[in-house]
Amino acid sequence: MKRIPTVFTSLLIAGSAMMCSSCNQSEISEKPASVPAVDQSEVHADRQPAATEENVGSVDGQAIYERNCQLCHSMQPPSEAAPPIIGLASRYRQVFGNRDEAVSAMVSFMKAPSAEKSSLGPNAVNRFGLMPAMTLEDEELGSVAAWLWDQYDPEFDTGQCR
């Protein structure tokens, strides 16, 4: 019974953080405080099976971004807390030859971030550090990674994101 207040408190904190995600990122001068991890298997016992080539995309990647990533990852620069989505999309297009390889690499990185798995340049890792591990299901990670890949803009100058 003691676990319920902990889960409720974590969800309340996460919900408050998401409400703040619509704030102007350029006004934030510090990295956001970390939110306590919640055991997602207990909160969402009805989740779908792990991502496969057939079911990636059955979950709305943009909605996952808006719920879980937007607080740190803005769409466009400048970004104070984490690399912007448009820069990430450009970088993954440069590093990987196709969408499937890039999505697989992004999912692996989001599950267990490390400098070795990072596809970003050392300046980005030095500036932003490593993100916390995501506790989302593989299907959700695959969907948000595929959505991120699709945000590529060939007009975006990646020079400022290295």
N, C-alpha and C. Protein backbone atom coordinates (compact mmCIF):
# COMPACT_ATOMS: atom_id res chain seq x y z
N MET A 1 0.81 -1.19 0.00
CA MET A 1 0.00 0.00 0.00
C MET A 1 0.86 1.26 0.00
N LYS A 2 2.08 1.17 0.53
CA LYS A 2 2.95 2.34 0.56
C LYS A 2 3.41 2.74 -0.84
N ARG A 3 3.35 1.82 -1.80
CA ARG A 3 3.80 2.10 -3.16
C ARG A 3 2.86 3.05 -3.90
N ILE A 4 1.59 3.03 -3.58
CA ILE A 4 0.61 3.87 -4.27
C ILE A 4 0.92 5.36 -4.09
N PRO A 5 1.20 5.85 -2.86
CA PRO A 5 1.54 7.28 -2.76
C PRO A 5 2.80 7.63 -3.54
N THR A 6 3.77 6.73 -3.59
CA THR A 6 5.00 7.00 -4.34
C THR A 6 4.69 7.13 -5.83
N VAL A 7 3.91 6.21 -6.37
CA VAL A 7 3.54 6.26 -7.78
C VAL A 7 2.71 7.50 -8.06
N PHE A 8 1.74 7.79 -7.17
CA PHE A 8 0.89 8.97 -7.34
C PHE A 8 1.74 10.24 -7.31
N THR A 9 2.67 10.33 -6.36
CA THR A 9 3.52 11.51 -6.26
C THR A 9 4.38 11.66 -7.52
N SER A 10 4.94 10.56 -8.01
CA SER A 10 5.76 10.61 -9.23
C SER A 10 4.95 11.07 -10.42
N LEU A 11 3.73 10.55 -10.54
CA LEU A 11 2.86 10.95 -11.65
C LEU A 11 2.47 12.41 -11.53
N LEU A 12 2.22 12.89 -10.32
CA LEU A 12 1.88 14.30 -10.11
C LEU A 12 3.04 15.20 -10.50
N ILE A 13 4.26 14.82 -10.13
CA ILE A 13 5.44 15.60 -10.50
C ILE A 13 5.63 15.58 -12.01
N ALA A 14 5.49 14.41 -12.63
CA ALA A 14 5.67 14.30 -14.08
C ALA A 14 4.61 15.13 -14.80
N GLY A 15 3.36 15.10 -14.31
CA GLY A 15 2.30 15.89 -14.93
C GLY A 15 2.58 17.38 -14.82
N SER A 16 3.08 17.82 -13.68
CA SER A 16 3.42 19.23 -13.50
C SER A 16 4.54 19.64 -14.45
N ALA A 17 5.52 18.76 -14.62
CA ALA A 17 6.63 19.07 -15.53
C ALA A 17 6.15 19.19 -16.96
N MET A 18 5.20 18.31 -17.36
CA MET A 18 4.69 18.37 -18.73
C MET A 18 3.90 19.65 -18.96
N MET A 19 3.19 20.14 -17.95
CA MET A 19 2.45 21.39 -18.12
C MET A 19 3.40 22.54 -18.37
N CYS A 20 4.58 22.47 -17.78
CA CYS A 20 5.56 23.54 -17.96
C CYS A 20 6.26 23.45 -19.30
N SER A 21 6.08 22.34 -20.03
CA SER A 21 6.81 22.16 -21.28
C SER A 21 6.40 23.16 -22.35
N SER A 22 5.26 23.80 -22.17
CA SER A 22 4.86 24.79 -23.16
C SER A 22 5.49 26.15 -22.90
N CYS A 23 6.24 26.26 -21.81
CA CYS A 23 6.91 27.52 -21.51
C CYS A 23 7.97 27.79 -22.57
N ASN A 24 8.35 29.03 -22.71
CA ASN A 24 9.38 29.43 -23.67
C ASN A 24 10.72 28.88 -23.22
N GLN A 25 11.28 27.93 -23.97
CA GLN A 25 12.54 27.29 -23.61
C GLN A 25 13.70 28.28 -23.52
N SER A 26 13.66 29.37 -24.25
CA SER A 26 14.77 30.32 -24.23
C SER A 26 14.85 31.06 -22.91
N GLU A 27 13.79 31.02 -22.09
CA GLU A 27 13.81 31.71 -20.82
C GLU A 27 14.37 30.82 -19.71
N ILE A 28 14.58 29.55 -19.98
CA ILE A 28 15.09 28.62 -18.98
C ILE A 28 16.59 28.74 -18.93
N SER A 29 17.15 28.99 -17.73
CA SER A 29 18.59 29.16 -17.63
C SER A 29 19.28 27.95 -17.04
N GLU A 30 18.52 26.99 -16.52
CA GLU A 30 19.10 25.79 -15.94
C GLU A 30 18.47 24.56 -16.58
N LYS A 31 19.17 23.43 -16.43
CA LYS A 31 18.58 22.18 -16.88
C LYS A 31 17.44 21.83 -15.94
N PRO A 32 16.35 21.22 -16.45
CA PRO A 32 15.24 20.88 -15.57
C PRO A 32 15.64 19.83 -14.55
N ALA A 33 14.99 19.89 -13.40
CA ALA A 33 15.24 18.90 -12.35
C ALA A 33 14.76 17.55 -12.84
N SER A 34 15.44 16.49 -12.42
CA SER A 34 15.01 15.17 -12.87
C SER A 34 13.75 14.76 -12.13
N VAL A 35 12.95 13.98 -12.81
CA VAL A 35 11.70 13.47 -12.26
C VAL A 35 11.95 12.06 -11.80
N PRO A 36 11.49 11.70 -10.60
CA PRO A 36 11.72 10.33 -10.12
C PRO A 36 11.18 9.31 -11.10
N ALA A 37 11.93 8.22 -11.24
CA ALA A 37 11.51 7.15 -12.15
C ALA A 37 10.30 6.43 -11.60
N VAL A 38 9.41 6.06 -12.48
CA VAL A 38 8.22 5.30 -12.12
C VAL A 38 8.30 3.98 -12.84
N ASP A 39 8.02 2.89 -12.13
CA ASP A 39 8.01 1.58 -12.77
C ASP A 39 6.81 1.53 -13.70
N GLN A 40 7.07 1.72 -15.00
CA GLN A 40 6.01 1.81 -15.99
C GLN A 40 5.23 0.51 -16.13
N SER A 41 5.82 -0.62 -15.80
CA SER A 41 5.10 -1.89 -15.93
C SER A 41 3.93 -1.96 -14.95
N GLU A 42 4.05 -1.30 -13.81
CA GLU A 42 2.95 -1.30 -12.85
C GLU A 42 1.90 -0.26 -13.21
N VAL A 43 2.31 0.85 -13.78
CA VAL A 43 1.38 1.92 -14.11
C VAL A 43 0.60 1.60 -15.38
N HIS A 44 1.26 0.99 -16.37
CA HIS A 44 0.65 0.71 -17.66
C HIS A 44 0.73 -0.78 -17.98
N ALA A 45 0.03 -1.60 -17.23
CA ALA A 45 0.07 -3.04 -17.43
C ALA A 45 -0.56 -3.46 -18.74
N ASP A 46 -1.33 -2.58 -19.39
CA ASP A 46 -2.03 -2.93 -20.63
C ASP A 46 -1.25 -2.53 -21.88
N ARG A 47 0.04 -2.30 -21.79
CA ARG A 47 0.84 -1.86 -22.93
C ARG A 47 0.96 -2.95 -23.98
N GLN A 48 1.29 -2.52 -25.21
CA GLN A 48 1.47 -3.43 -26.33
C GLN A 48 2.81 -4.13 -26.25
N PRO A 49 3.04 -5.19 -27.04
CA PRO A 49 4.32 -5.88 -27.04
C PRO A 49 5.43 -5.00 -27.62
N ALA A 50 6.66 -5.47 -27.50
CA ALA A 50 7.82 -4.72 -27.96
C ALA A 50 7.72 -4.38 -29.44
N ALA A 51 8.46 -3.34 -29.83
CA ALA A 51 8.42 -2.85 -31.21
C ALA A 51 8.97 -3.89 -32.17
N THR A 52 8.32 -4.00 -33.30
CA THR A 52 8.81 -4.80 -34.40
C THR A 52 8.67 -3.95 -35.65
N GLU A 53 9.23 -4.40 -36.75
CA GLU A 53 9.14 -3.64 -37.99
C GLU A 53 7.67 -3.44 -38.40
N GLU A 54 6.82 -4.40 -38.05
CA GLU A 54 5.41 -4.31 -38.44
C GLU A 54 4.62 -3.33 -37.58
N ASN A 55 4.93 -3.24 -36.26
CA ASN A 55 4.07 -2.42 -35.42
C ASN A 55 4.65 -1.06 -35.03
N VAL A 56 5.89 -0.73 -35.42
CA VAL A 56 6.40 0.61 -35.16
C VAL A 56 5.55 1.58 -35.95
N GLY A 57 5.08 2.59 -35.31
CA GLY A 57 4.22 3.55 -35.99
C GLY A 57 2.76 3.37 -35.62
N SER A 58 2.41 2.26 -34.94
CA SER A 58 1.02 2.09 -34.53
C SER A 58 0.70 2.98 -33.33
N VAL A 59 1.72 3.53 -32.69
CA VAL A 59 1.57 4.48 -31.61
C VAL A 59 2.01 5.84 -32.16
N ASP A 60 1.32 6.90 -31.79
CA ASP A 60 1.59 8.23 -32.30
C ASP A 60 2.90 8.79 -31.72
N GLY A 61 3.95 8.81 -32.55
CA GLY A 61 5.26 9.30 -32.12
C GLY A 61 5.24 10.75 -31.68
N GLN A 62 4.47 11.59 -32.36
CA GLN A 62 4.40 13.00 -31.98
C GLN A 62 3.76 13.15 -30.59
N ALA A 63 2.74 12.38 -30.31
CA ALA A 63 2.10 12.44 -28.98
C ALA A 63 3.07 11.99 -27.90
N ILE A 64 3.87 10.98 -28.20
CA ILE A 64 4.88 10.53 -27.23
C ILE A 64 5.90 11.63 -27.00
N TYR A 65 6.35 12.28 -28.08
CA TYR A 65 7.27 13.42 -27.96
C TYR A 65 6.66 14.50 -27.06
N GLU A 66 5.41 14.85 -27.32
CA GLU A 66 4.77 15.92 -26.57
C GLU A 66 4.62 15.57 -25.09
N ARG A 67 4.39 14.30 -24.78
CA ARG A 67 4.23 13.87 -23.39
C ARG A 67 5.54 13.67 -22.66
N ASN A 68 6.57 13.20 -23.37
CA ASN A 68 7.77 12.73 -22.68
C ASN A 68 9.08 13.44 -23.03
N CYS A 69 9.13 14.12 -24.16
CA CYS A 69 10.41 14.63 -24.65
C CYS A 69 10.46 16.15 -24.77
N GLN A 70 9.32 16.75 -24.99
CA GLN A 70 9.23 18.17 -25.32
C GLN A 70 9.79 19.07 -24.22
N LEU A 71 9.73 18.66 -22.98
CA LEU A 71 10.22 19.48 -21.89
C LEU A 71 11.70 19.81 -22.09
N CYS A 72 12.47 18.87 -22.58
CA CYS A 72 13.90 19.08 -22.78
C CYS A 72 14.27 19.36 -24.23
N HIS A 73 13.63 18.67 -25.17
CA HIS A 73 13.96 18.78 -26.59
C HIS A 73 12.97 19.70 -27.31
N SER A 74 13.38 20.94 -27.56
CA SER A 74 12.53 21.84 -28.35
C SER A 74 12.61 21.39 -29.82
N MET A 75 11.69 21.87 -30.63
CA MET A 75 11.73 21.53 -32.06
C MET A 75 12.89 22.24 -32.75
N GLN A 76 13.07 23.53 -32.48
CA GLN A 76 14.07 24.37 -33.14
C GLN A 76 15.06 24.91 -32.10
N PRO A 77 16.27 25.27 -32.53
CA PRO A 77 17.18 25.96 -31.62
C PRO A 77 16.64 27.35 -31.31
N PRO A 78 17.03 28.01 -30.28
CA PRO A 78 18.03 27.54 -29.32
C PRO A 78 17.41 26.57 -28.32
N SER A 79 18.24 25.72 -27.79
CA SER A 79 17.80 24.76 -26.81
C SER A 79 18.77 24.79 -25.65
N GLU A 80 18.25 24.89 -24.47
CA GLU A 80 19.09 24.96 -23.28
C GLU A 80 19.33 23.61 -22.63
N ALA A 81 18.32 22.73 -22.65
CA ALA A 81 18.39 21.49 -21.89
C ALA A 81 18.87 20.29 -22.69
N ALA A 82 18.54 20.24 -23.98
CA ALA A 82 18.87 19.07 -24.80
C ALA A 82 18.87 19.50 -26.27
N PRO A 83 19.52 18.71 -27.13
CA PRO A 83 19.55 19.08 -28.55
C PRO A 83 18.13 19.20 -29.14
N PRO A 84 17.92 20.15 -30.02
CA PRO A 84 16.61 20.32 -30.63
C PRO A 84 16.31 19.17 -31.60
N ILE A 85 15.03 18.88 -31.77
CA ILE A 85 14.60 17.77 -32.62
C ILE A 85 15.10 17.92 -34.05
N ILE A 86 15.00 19.11 -34.61
CA ILE A 86 15.42 19.31 -36.01
C ILE A 86 16.91 19.01 -36.18
N GLY A 87 17.71 19.35 -35.18
CA GLY A 87 19.14 19.04 -35.22
C GLY A 87 19.40 17.55 -35.09
N LEU A 88 18.65 16.89 -34.21
CA LEU A 88 18.79 15.44 -34.06
C LEU A 88 18.42 14.72 -35.35
N ALA A 89 17.31 15.15 -35.97
CA ALA A 89 16.88 14.51 -37.22
C ALA A 89 17.95 14.66 -38.29
N SER A 90 18.54 15.84 -38.39
CA SER A 90 19.60 16.06 -39.39
C SER A 90 20.82 15.19 -39.10
N ARG A 91 21.20 15.12 -37.84
CA ARG A 91 22.38 14.34 -37.47
C ARG A 91 22.17 12.85 -37.75
N TYR A 92 21.00 12.33 -37.40
CA TYR A 92 20.74 10.91 -37.65
C TYR A 92 20.70 10.62 -39.14
N ARG A 93 20.25 11.57 -39.95
CA ARG A 93 20.27 11.39 -41.41
C ARG A 93 21.71 11.35 -41.91
N GLN A 94 22.60 12.12 -41.31
CA GLN A 94 24.00 12.13 -41.72
C GLN A 94 24.71 10.84 -41.34
N VAL A 95 24.41 10.34 -40.16
CA VAL A 95 25.15 9.20 -39.61
C VAL A 95 24.65 7.86 -40.16
N PHE A 96 23.33 7.73 -40.35
CA PHE A 96 22.76 6.45 -40.75
C PHE A 96 22.23 6.50 -42.17
N GLY A 97 22.37 5.41 -42.85
CA GLY A 97 21.96 5.34 -44.24
C GLY A 97 20.47 5.18 -44.45
N ASN A 98 19.77 4.66 -43.44
CA ASN A 98 18.34 4.47 -43.63
C ASN A 98 17.59 4.59 -42.32
N ARG A 99 16.29 4.70 -42.44
CA ARG A 99 15.41 4.94 -41.30
C ARG A 99 15.46 3.80 -40.29
N ASP A 100 15.43 2.56 -40.75
CA ASP A 100 15.43 1.42 -39.82
C ASP A 100 16.68 1.39 -38.95
N GLU A 101 17.85 1.63 -39.54
CA GLU A 101 19.09 1.66 -38.76
C GLU A 101 19.08 2.80 -37.75
N ALA A 102 18.61 3.96 -38.19
CA ALA A 102 18.57 5.13 -37.30
C ALA A 102 17.60 4.90 -36.15
N VAL A 103 16.42 4.37 -36.44
CA VAL A 103 15.42 4.12 -35.40
C VAL A 103 15.96 3.12 -34.40
N SER A 104 16.59 2.07 -34.86
CA SER A 104 17.17 1.06 -33.98
C SER A 104 18.24 1.69 -33.07
N ALA A 105 19.09 2.53 -33.64
CA ALA A 105 20.13 3.19 -32.86
C ALA A 105 19.53 4.15 -31.83
N MET A 106 18.50 4.89 -32.23
CA MET A 106 17.85 5.82 -31.30
C MET A 106 17.21 5.07 -30.14
N VAL A 107 16.51 3.97 -30.44
CA VAL A 107 15.85 3.18 -29.39
C VAL A 107 16.91 2.65 -28.42
N SER A 108 17.99 2.11 -28.94
CA SER A 108 19.06 1.58 -28.09
C SER A 108 19.63 2.68 -27.20
N PHE A 109 19.85 3.86 -27.76
CA PHE A 109 20.38 4.98 -26.99
C PHE A 109 19.40 5.44 -25.92
N MET A 110 18.12 5.58 -26.28
CA MET A 110 17.13 6.06 -25.31
C MET A 110 16.96 5.09 -24.14
N LYS A 111 17.11 3.80 -24.38
CA LYS A 111 16.97 2.80 -23.32
C LYS A 111 18.17 2.82 -22.37
N ALA A 112 19.36 3.06 -22.90
CA ALA A 112 20.58 3.04 -22.08
C ALA A 112 21.58 4.04 -22.66
N PRO A 113 21.37 5.33 -22.42
CA PRO A 113 22.25 6.35 -23.01
C PRO A 113 23.70 6.21 -22.55
N SER A 114 24.60 6.36 -23.50
CA SER A 114 26.03 6.36 -23.20
C SER A 114 26.74 7.17 -24.27
N ALA A 115 27.91 7.67 -23.95
CA ALA A 115 28.69 8.44 -24.92
C ALA A 115 29.05 7.57 -26.12
N GLU A 116 29.28 6.27 -25.89
CA GLU A 116 29.63 5.37 -26.98
C GLU A 116 28.47 5.20 -27.97
N LYS A 117 27.24 5.22 -27.47
CA LYS A 117 26.08 5.04 -28.34
C LYS A 117 25.61 6.35 -28.97
N SER A 118 26.10 7.45 -28.50
CA SER A 118 25.64 8.75 -28.99
C SER A 118 26.05 8.95 -30.44
N SER A 119 25.11 9.40 -31.25
CA SER A 119 25.41 9.71 -32.65
C SER A 119 25.72 11.19 -32.82
N LEU A 120 25.69 11.93 -31.74
CA LEU A 120 25.99 13.35 -31.79
C LEU A 120 27.48 13.56 -31.66
N GLY A 121 27.93 14.73 -32.04
CA GLY A 121 29.34 15.07 -31.89
C GLY A 121 29.69 15.30 -30.43
N PRO A 122 30.98 15.29 -30.12
CA PRO A 122 31.40 15.46 -28.72
C PRO A 122 30.99 16.81 -28.13
N ASN A 123 30.87 17.84 -28.96
CA ASN A 123 30.45 19.14 -28.43
C ASN A 123 29.03 19.08 -27.87
N ALA A 124 28.15 18.36 -28.54
CA ALA A 124 26.77 18.24 -28.05
C ALA A 124 26.73 17.47 -26.74
N VAL A 125 27.50 16.39 -26.65
CA VAL A 125 27.53 15.60 -25.41
C VAL A 125 28.13 16.44 -24.28
N ASN A 126 29.18 17.20 -24.58
CA ASN A 126 29.78 18.06 -23.55
C ASN A 126 28.81 19.15 -23.11
N ARG A 127 28.08 19.72 -24.05
CA ARG A 127 27.15 20.82 -23.73
C ARG A 127 25.94 20.34 -22.94
N PHE A 128 25.31 19.26 -23.40
CA PHE A 128 24.05 18.83 -22.81
C PHE A 128 24.18 17.66 -21.84
N GLY A 129 25.28 16.92 -21.91
CA GLY A 129 25.40 15.71 -21.12
C GLY A 129 24.55 14.60 -21.74
N LEU A 130 24.40 13.51 -21.04
CA LEU A 130 23.58 12.39 -21.52
C LEU A 130 22.19 12.49 -20.91
N MET A 131 21.21 12.13 -21.68
CA MET A 131 19.84 12.13 -21.20
C MET A 131 19.63 10.97 -20.25
N PRO A 132 18.61 11.03 -19.39
CA PRO A 132 18.30 9.87 -18.55
C PRO A 132 17.70 8.75 -19.40
N ALA A 133 17.84 7.53 -18.95
CA ALA A 133 17.25 6.40 -19.66
C ALA A 133 15.73 6.54 -19.67
N MET A 134 15.13 6.24 -20.80
CA MET A 134 13.68 6.31 -20.94
C MET A 134 13.07 4.98 -20.50
N THR A 135 11.97 5.05 -19.79
CA THR A 135 11.32 3.84 -19.28
C THR A 135 10.09 3.48 -20.10
N LEU A 136 10.00 3.99 -21.31
CA LEU A 136 8.88 3.68 -22.19
C LEU A 136 9.07 2.29 -22.80
N GLU A 137 7.97 1.73 -23.29
CA GLU A 137 8.02 0.43 -23.98
C GLU A 137 8.76 0.60 -25.32
N ASP A 138 9.30 -0.51 -25.84
CA ASP A 138 10.03 -0.48 -27.11
C ASP A 138 9.17 0.08 -28.24
N GLU A 139 7.90 -0.27 -28.26
CA GLU A 139 7.02 0.22 -29.33
C GLU A 139 6.92 1.75 -29.29
N GLU A 140 6.81 2.30 -28.11
CA GLU A 140 6.73 3.76 -27.97
C GLU A 140 8.05 4.42 -28.35
N LEU A 141 9.16 3.84 -27.91
CA LEU A 141 10.47 4.37 -28.28
C LEU A 141 10.66 4.32 -29.78
N GLY A 142 10.26 3.21 -30.41
CA GLY A 142 10.38 3.08 -31.86
C GLY A 142 9.51 4.09 -32.59
N SER A 143 8.34 4.34 -32.08
CA SER A 143 7.43 5.30 -32.72
C SER A 143 7.96 6.72 -32.62
N VAL A 144 8.46 7.10 -31.45
CA VAL A 144 8.98 8.47 -31.31
C VAL A 144 10.27 8.62 -32.11
N ALA A 145 11.08 7.58 -32.19
CA ALA A 145 12.30 7.64 -33.00
C ALA A 145 11.96 7.77 -34.49
N ALA A 146 10.97 7.03 -34.95
CA ALA A 146 10.55 7.14 -36.36
C ALA A 146 9.98 8.52 -36.65
N TRP A 147 9.21 9.06 -35.72
CA TRP A 147 8.67 10.41 -35.87
C TRP A 147 9.81 11.43 -35.94
N LEU A 148 10.82 11.26 -35.06
CA LEU A 148 11.97 12.16 -35.06
C LEU A 148 12.67 12.12 -36.42
N TRP A 149 12.89 10.94 -36.97
CA TRP A 149 13.53 10.78 -38.28
C TRP A 149 12.78 11.60 -39.33
N ASP A 150 11.46 11.60 -39.25
CA ASP A 150 10.62 12.29 -40.23
C ASP A 150 10.63 13.81 -40.07
N GLN A 151 11.24 14.33 -39.03
CA GLN A 151 11.29 15.78 -38.81
C GLN A 151 12.45 16.43 -39.55
N TYR A 152 13.15 15.67 -40.34
CA TYR A 152 14.30 16.18 -41.09
C TYR A 152 13.90 17.35 -41.99
N ASP A 153 14.73 18.38 -41.97
CA ASP A 153 14.55 19.56 -42.83
C ASP A 153 15.87 19.78 -43.57
N PRO A 154 15.91 19.55 -44.88
CA PRO A 154 17.17 19.69 -45.61
C PRO A 154 17.71 21.12 -45.60
N GLU A 155 16.89 22.08 -45.27
CA GLU A 155 17.33 23.49 -45.20
C GLU A 155 17.99 23.84 -43.88
N PHE A 156 17.90 22.97 -42.89
CA PHE A 156 18.45 23.27 -41.58
C PHE A 156 19.97 23.18 -41.60
N ASP A 157 20.64 24.19 -41.07
CA ASP A 157 22.10 24.24 -41.01
C ASP A 157 22.56 23.54 -39.74
N THR A 158 23.17 22.36 -39.88
CA THR A 158 23.61 21.61 -38.71
C THR A 158 24.92 22.14 -38.13
N GLY A 159 25.51 23.13 -38.76
CA GLY A 159 26.77 23.68 -38.26
C GLY A 159 26.69 24.16 -36.83
N GLN A 160 25.54 24.68 -36.45
CA GLN A 160 25.38 25.17 -35.09
C GLN A 160 25.09 24.06 -34.07
N CYS A 161 24.93 22.85 -34.53
CA CYS A 161 24.57 21.74 -33.63
C CYS A 161 25.67 20.70 -33.49
N ARG A 162 26.88 21.03 -33.79
CA ARG A 162 27.96 20.03 -33.70
C ARG A 162 28.66 20.07 -32.38
